[in-house]
Amino acid sequence: MSRPGEFLRFLLVEEEMLVDTAAERTGLTPQQIAGVIAGTLPVTPELAEKLARLAGTTAQFWLKLQAEQ
């Protein structure tokens, strides 16, 4: 699991949010959300913007997590 994936998984558990719900809220597919969690889909600037809106963070936060893995 990647650093962004760890945080995203934590967020979904804390918010009791399904992957499908996260996908709907971000405009991503459930497979893309699962890919971030598994670490198989790297966080790009565009993806970081979508995750930031979901999590109430910044895109820079997600990009920094990606860089730290």
C-alpha atoms as a PDB file:
ATOM      1  CA  MET A   1       0.000   0.000   0.000  1.00  0.00           C
ATOM      2  CA  SER A   2       1.315   3.448  -0.900  1.00  0.00           C
ATOM      3  CA  ARG A   3       1.449   6.466   1.367  1.00  0.00           C
ATOM      4  CA  PRO A   4      -1.427   8.127  -0.514  1.00  0.00           C
ATOM      5  CA  GLY A   5      -3.248   4.794  -0.415  1.00  0.00           C
ATOM      6  CA  GLU A   6      -2.791   4.476   3.329  1.00  0.00           C
ATOM      7  CA  PHE A   7      -4.267   7.922   3.883  1.00  0.00           C
ATOM      8  CA  LEU A   8      -7.132   7.357   1.457  1.00  0.00           C
ATOM      9  CA  ARG A   9      -7.972   4.031   3.084  1.00  0.00           C
ATOM     10  CA  PHE A  10      -7.898   5.686   6.523  1.00  0.00           C
ATOM     11  CA  LEU A  11     -10.174   8.458   5.251  1.00  0.00           C
ATOM     12  CA  LEU A  12     -12.704   6.012   3.823  1.00  0.00           C
ATOM     13  CA  VAL A  13     -12.769   3.986   7.036  1.00  0.00           C
ATOM     14  CA  GLU A  14     -13.083   7.070   9.245  1.00  0.00           C
ATOM     15  CA  GLU A  15     -15.858   8.535   7.115  1.00  0.00           C
ATOM     16  CA  GLU A  16     -17.514   5.119   6.695  1.00  0.00           C
ATOM     17  CA  MET A  17     -17.405   5.779   2.961  1.00  0.00           C
ATOM     18  CA  LEU A  18     -17.556   3.089   0.314  1.00  0.00           C
ATOM     19  CA  VAL A  19     -15.137   3.079  -2.602  1.00  0.00           C
ATOM     20  CA  ASP A  20     -18.112   3.594  -4.919  1.00  0.00           C
ATOM     21  CA  THR A  21     -19.165   6.694  -2.973  1.00  0.00           C
ATOM     22  CA  ALA A  22     -15.638   8.114  -3.087  1.00  0.00           C
ATOM     23  CA  ALA A  23     -15.562   7.468  -6.821  1.00  0.00           C
ATOM     24  CA  GLU A  24     -18.858   9.285  -7.356  1.00  0.00           C
ATOM     25  CA  ARG A  25     -17.710  12.281  -5.288  1.00  0.00           C
ATOM     26  CA  THR A  26     -14.409  12.607  -7.140  1.00  0.00           C
ATOM     27  CA  GLY A  27     -15.458  11.710 -10.668  1.00  0.00           C
ATOM     28  CA  LEU A  28     -13.052   8.783 -10.606  1.00  0.00           C
ATOM     29  CA  THR A  29     -13.900   5.150 -11.161  1.00  0.00           C
ATOM     30  CA  PRO A  30     -13.997   2.668  -8.282  1.00  0.00           C
ATOM     31  CA  GLN A  31     -11.022   0.970  -9.945  1.00  0.00           C
ATOM     32  CA  GLN A  32      -9.025   4.199  -9.787  1.00  0.00           C
ATOM     33  CA  ILE A  33      -9.812   4.649  -6.083  1.00  0.00           C
ATOM     34  CA  ALA A  34      -8.796   1.032  -5.472  1.00  0.00           C
ATOM     35  CA  GLY A  35      -5.635   1.613  -7.508  1.00  0.00           C
ATOM     36  CA  VAL A  36      -4.605   4.533  -5.306  1.00  0.00           C
ATOM     37  CA  ILE A  37      -5.245   2.458  -2.193  1.00  0.00           C
ATOM     38  CA  ALA A  38      -3.241  -0.477  -3.587  1.00  0.00           C
ATOM     39  CA  GLY A  39      -0.430   1.785  -4.764  1.00  0.00           C
ATOM     40  CA  THR A  40      -0.779   0.720  -8.397  1.00  0.00           C
ATOM     41  CA  LEU A  41      -2.129   4.090  -9.570  1.00  0.00           C
ATOM     42  CA  PRO A  42       0.269   6.960  -8.911  1.00  0.00           C
ATOM     43  CA  VAL A  43      -1.126  10.293  -7.807  1.00  0.00           C
ATOM     44  CA  THR A  44      -0.859  12.813 -10.632  1.00  0.00           C
ATOM     45  CA  PRO A  45      -1.583  16.529 -10.237  1.00  0.00           C
ATOM     46  CA  GLU A  46      -5.076  16.047 -11.727  1.00  0.00           C
ATOM     47  CA  LEU A  47      -5.810  13.103  -9.429  1.00  0.00           C
ATOM     48  CA  ALA A  48      -4.417  15.032  -6.460  1.00  0.00           C
ATOM     49  CA  GLU A  49      -6.944  17.831  -7.088  1.00  0.00           C
ATOM     50  CA  LYS A  50      -9.830  15.363  -7.016  1.00  0.00           C
ATOM     51  CA  LEU A  51      -8.586  13.609  -3.880  1.00  0.00           C
ATOM     52  CA  ALA A  52      -8.036  16.970  -2.190  1.00  0.00           C
ATOM     53  CA  ARG A  53     -11.671  17.943  -2.727  1.00  0.00           C
ATOM     54  CA  LEU A  54     -12.783  14.613  -1.276  1.00  0.00           C
ATOM     55  CA  ALA A  55     -10.527  14.827   1.774  1.00  0.00           C
ATOM     56  CA  GLY A  56     -10.653  18.562   2.442  1.00  0.00           C
ATOM     57  CA  THR A  57      -6.904  18.843   1.909  1.00  0.00           C
ATOM     58  CA  THR A  58      -4.719  20.360  -0.796  1.00  0.00           C
ATOM     59  CA  ALA A  59      -3.404  18.800  -3.981  1.00  0.00           C
ATOM     60  CA  GLN A  60       0.094  19.484  -2.672  1.00  0.00           C
ATOM     61  CA  PHE A  61      -0.648  17.236   0.321  1.00  0.00           C
ATOM     62  CA  TRP A  62      -1.364  14.279  -1.982  1.00  0.00           C
ATOM     63  CA  LEU A  63       1.601  14.979  -4.225  1.00  0.00           C
ATOM     64  CA  LYS A  64       3.902  15.142  -1.199  1.00  0.00           C
ATOM     65  CA  LEU A  65       2.582  11.773   0.015  1.00  0.00           C
ATOM     66  CA  GLN A  66       3.258  10.348  -3.434  1.00  0.00           C
ATOM     67  CA  ALA A  67       6.810  11.729  -3.428  1.00  0.00           C
ATOM     68  CA  GLU A  68       7.561  10.282   0.024  1.00  0.00           C
ATOM     69  CA  GLN A  69       6.886   6.669  -0.852  1.00  0.00           C
END
